Amino acid sequence: MKRFVVSLMSAGLMVTASGVLQADELIHARKENQQDRIAQGVKSGSLTAGETANLEHKEARLNREIRHDRAVNGGNLTNNEKAQVNRQQNRLSRNIYRDKHNGVHQ
């Protein structure tokens, strides 16, 4: 019985650890994807220099906020912070789309 409880607890810890890792990977993957979208917009000319600078500034501000939140919480983000980061990444994604499709080209 003790072995069962210990194995169940260790499995729960592994699932929790993988959930934290998965959230961090998703944030990082999305950040990389958005950087690629900005770079593609610059390459195609659909983003002007001003639009690119604005998007990069917003991305940098979000990255600083994530680093600060992690530093405050011992290297992790709380569930509320993860939700907030997701909303901010959604907003940045919409900004990238709008800037790329607004008809202004370099």
C-alpha atoms as a PDB file:
ATOM      1  CA  MET A   1       0.000   0.000   0.000  1.00  0.00           C
ATOM      2  CA  LYS A   2       2.829   2.385   0.850  1.00  0.00           C
ATOM      3  CA  ARG A   3       4.501   1.679  -2.479  1.00  0.00           C
ATOM      4  CA  PHE A   4       1.276   2.480  -4.287  1.00  0.00           C
ATOM      5  CA  VAL A   5       0.903   5.813  -2.451  1.00  0.00           C
ATOM      6  CA  VAL A   6       4.546   6.736  -3.059  1.00  0.00           C
ATOM      7  CA  SER A   7       4.344   5.834  -6.749  1.00  0.00           C
ATOM      8  CA  LEU A   8       1.076   7.762  -7.083  1.00  0.00           C
ATOM      9  CA  MET A   9       2.642  10.824  -5.436  1.00  0.00           C
ATOM     10  CA  SER A  10       5.734  10.659  -7.631  1.00  0.00           C
ATOM     11  CA  ALA A  11       3.573  10.339 -10.749  1.00  0.00           C
ATOM     12  CA  GLY A  12       1.622  13.396  -9.625  1.00  0.00           C
ATOM     13  CA  LEU A  13       4.847  15.354  -9.173  1.00  0.00           C
ATOM     14  CA  MET A  14       6.037  14.357 -12.645  1.00  0.00           C
ATOM     15  CA  VAL A  15       2.739  15.475 -14.194  1.00  0.00           C
ATOM     16  CA  THR A  16       2.921  18.787 -12.316  1.00  0.00           C
ATOM     17  CA  ALA A  17       6.537  19.337 -13.358  1.00  0.00           C
ATOM     18  CA  SER A  18       5.731  18.501 -16.972  1.00  0.00           C
ATOM     19  CA  GLY A  19       2.790  20.938 -16.864  1.00  0.00           C
ATOM     20  CA  VAL A  20       5.076  23.756 -15.732  1.00  0.00           C
ATOM     21  CA  LEU A  21       7.630  22.820 -18.357  1.00  0.00           C
ATOM     22  CA  GLN A  22       4.943  22.636 -21.025  1.00  0.00           C
ATOM     23  CA  ALA A  23       3.641  26.136 -20.179  1.00  0.00           C
ATOM     24  CA  ASP A  24       7.166  27.550 -20.362  1.00  0.00           C
ATOM     25  CA  GLU A  25       7.759  25.792 -23.681  1.00  0.00           C
ATOM     26  CA  LEU A  26       4.502  27.165 -25.083  1.00  0.00           C
ATOM     27  CA  ILE A  27       5.386  30.714 -24.076  1.00  0.00           C
ATOM     28  CA  HIS A  28       8.844  30.350 -25.631  1.00  0.00           C
ATOM     29  CA  ALA A  29       7.541  28.699 -28.811  1.00  0.00           C
ATOM     30  CA  ARG A  30       4.932  31.388 -29.283  1.00  0.00           C
ATOM     31  CA  LYS A  31       7.530  34.101 -28.735  1.00  0.00           C
ATOM     32  CA  GLU A  32       9.745  32.530 -31.397  1.00  0.00           C
ATOM     33  CA  ASN A  33       6.807  32.203 -33.794  1.00  0.00           C
ATOM     34  CA  GLN A  34       5.919  35.865 -33.392  1.00  0.00           C
ATOM     35  CA  GLN A  35       9.535  36.903 -33.965  1.00  0.00           C
ATOM     36  CA  ASP A  36       9.534  34.818 -37.156  1.00  0.00           C
ATOM     37  CA  ARG A  37       6.321  36.514 -38.299  1.00  0.00           C
ATOM     38  CA  ILE A  38       7.858  39.953 -37.722  1.00  0.00           C
ATOM     39  CA  ALA A  39      11.023  38.952 -39.599  1.00  0.00           C
ATOM     40  CA  GLN A  40       8.940  37.621 -42.500  1.00  0.00           C
ATOM     41  CA  GLY A  41       7.027  40.920 -42.604  1.00  0.00           C
ATOM     42  CA  VAL A  42      10.271  42.877 -42.770  1.00  0.00           C
ATOM     43  CA  LYS A  43      11.623  40.593 -45.489  1.00  0.00           C
ATOM     44  CA  SER A  44       8.464  40.869 -47.604  1.00  0.00           C
ATOM     45  CA  GLY A  45       8.193  44.608 -47.073  1.00  0.00           C
ATOM     46  CA  SER A  46       4.740  44.401 -45.494  1.00  0.00           C
ATOM     47  CA  LEU A  47       6.097  45.924 -42.264  1.00  0.00           C
ATOM     48  CA  THR A  48       7.581  49.404 -42.293  1.00  0.00           C
ATOM     49  CA  ALA A  49      10.539  50.342 -40.114  1.00  0.00           C
ATOM     50  CA  GLY A  50       8.253  52.162 -37.682  1.00  0.00           C
ATOM     51  CA  GLU A  51       5.837  49.265 -37.425  1.00  0.00           C
ATOM     52  CA  THR A  52       8.717  46.863 -36.866  1.00  0.00           C
ATOM     53  CA  ALA A  53      10.238  49.049 -34.156  1.00  0.00           C
ATOM     54  CA  ASN A  54       6.858  49.328 -32.417  1.00  0.00           C
ATOM     55  CA  LEU A  55       6.273  45.569 -32.500  1.00  0.00           C
ATOM     56  CA  GLU A  56       9.808  44.821 -31.293  1.00  0.00           C
ATOM     57  CA  HIS A  57       9.356  47.324 -28.451  1.00  0.00           C
ATOM     58  CA  LYS A  58       6.124  45.625 -27.366  1.00  0.00           C
ATOM     59  CA  GLU A  59       7.772  42.197 -27.559  1.00  0.00           C
ATOM     60  CA  ALA A  60      10.737  43.380 -25.483  1.00  0.00           C
ATOM     61  CA  ARG A  61       8.424  44.892 -22.855  1.00  0.00           C
ATOM     62  CA  LEU A  62       6.534  41.591 -22.578  1.00  0.00           C
ATOM     63  CA  ASN A  63       9.816  39.669 -22.249  1.00  0.00           C
ATOM     64  CA  ARG A  64      10.985  42.006 -19.451  1.00  0.00           C
ATOM     65  CA  GLU A  65       7.670  41.533 -17.660  1.00  0.00           C
ATOM     66  CA  ILE A  66       7.949  37.737 -17.901  1.00  0.00           C
ATOM     67  CA  ARG A  67      11.527  37.810 -16.560  1.00  0.00           C
ATOM     68  CA  HIS A  68      10.473  40.089 -13.686  1.00  0.00           C
ATOM     69  CA  ASP A  69       7.478  37.907 -12.773  1.00  0.00           C
ATOM     70  CA  ARG A  70       9.653  34.803 -12.775  1.00  0.00           C
ATOM     71  CA  ALA A  71      12.294  36.493 -10.624  1.00  0.00           C
ATOM     72  CA  VAL A  72       9.656  37.461  -8.077  1.00  0.00           C
ATOM     73  CA  ASN A  73       8.184  33.931  -7.964  1.00  0.00           C
ATOM     74  CA  GLY A  74      11.345  31.852  -7.777  1.00  0.00           C
ATOM     75  CA  GLY A  75      11.633  31.149 -11.499  1.00  0.00           C
ATOM     76  CA  ASN A  76       7.990  30.249 -12.157  1.00  0.00           C
ATOM     77  CA  LEU A  77       4.900  32.049 -13.334  1.00  0.00           C
ATOM     78  CA  THR A  78       1.647  31.817 -11.398  1.00  0.00           C
ATOM     79  CA  ASN A  79      -1.466  30.651 -13.216  1.00  0.00           C
ATOM     80  CA  ASN A  80      -2.769  34.235 -13.272  1.00  0.00           C
ATOM     81  CA  GLU A  81       0.518  35.442 -14.763  1.00  0.00           C
ATOM     82  CA  LYS A  82       0.413  32.698 -17.399  1.00  0.00           C
ATOM     83  CA  ALA A  83      -3.101  33.776 -18.367  1.00  0.00           C
ATOM     84  CA  GLN A  84      -1.984  37.400 -18.516  1.00  0.00           C
ATOM     85  CA  VAL A  85       1.019  36.514 -20.695  1.00  0.00           C
ATOM     86  CA  ASN A  86      -1.298  34.568 -23.001  1.00  0.00           C
ATOM     87  CA  ARG A  87      -3.620  37.585 -23.341  1.00  0.00           C
ATOM     88  CA  GLN A  88      -0.663  39.857 -24.035  1.00  0.00           C
ATOM     89  CA  GLN A  89       0.698  37.450 -26.644  1.00  0.00           C
ATOM     90  CA  ASN A  90      -2.760  37.329 -28.254  1.00  0.00           C
ATOM     91  CA  ARG A  91      -2.824  41.121 -28.414  1.00  0.00           C
ATOM     92  CA  LEU A  92       0.683  41.245 -29.889  1.00  0.00           C
ATOM     93  CA  SER A  93      -0.285  38.613 -32.453  1.00  0.00           C
ATOM     94  CA  ARG A  94      -3.258  40.741 -33.548  1.00  0.00           C
ATOM     95  CA  ASN A  95      -0.966  43.774 -33.780  1.00  0.00           C
ATOM     96  CA  ILE A  96       1.442  41.848 -36.007  1.00  0.00           C
ATOM     97  CA  TYR A  97      -1.406  40.739 -38.257  1.00  0.00           C
ATOM     98  CA  ARG A  98      -2.894  44.241 -38.524  1.00  0.00           C
ATOM     99  CA  ASP A  99       0.459  45.856 -39.275  1.00  0.00           C
ATOM    100  CA  LYS A 100       1.307  43.257 -41.906  1.00  0.00           C
ATOM    101  CA  HIS A 101      -2.072  43.602 -43.630  1.00  0.00           C
ATOM    102  CA  ASN A 102      -2.740  47.338 -43.421  1.00  0.00           C
ATOM    103  CA  GLY A 103      -1.664  48.028 -47.002  1.00  0.00           C
ATOM    104  CA  VAL A 104       1.401  50.066 -46.048  1.00  0.00           C
ATOM    105  CA  HIS A 105       4.612  48.733 -47.591  1.00  0.00           C
ATOM    106  CA  GLN A 106       8.233  49.726 -47.530  1.00  0.00           C
END
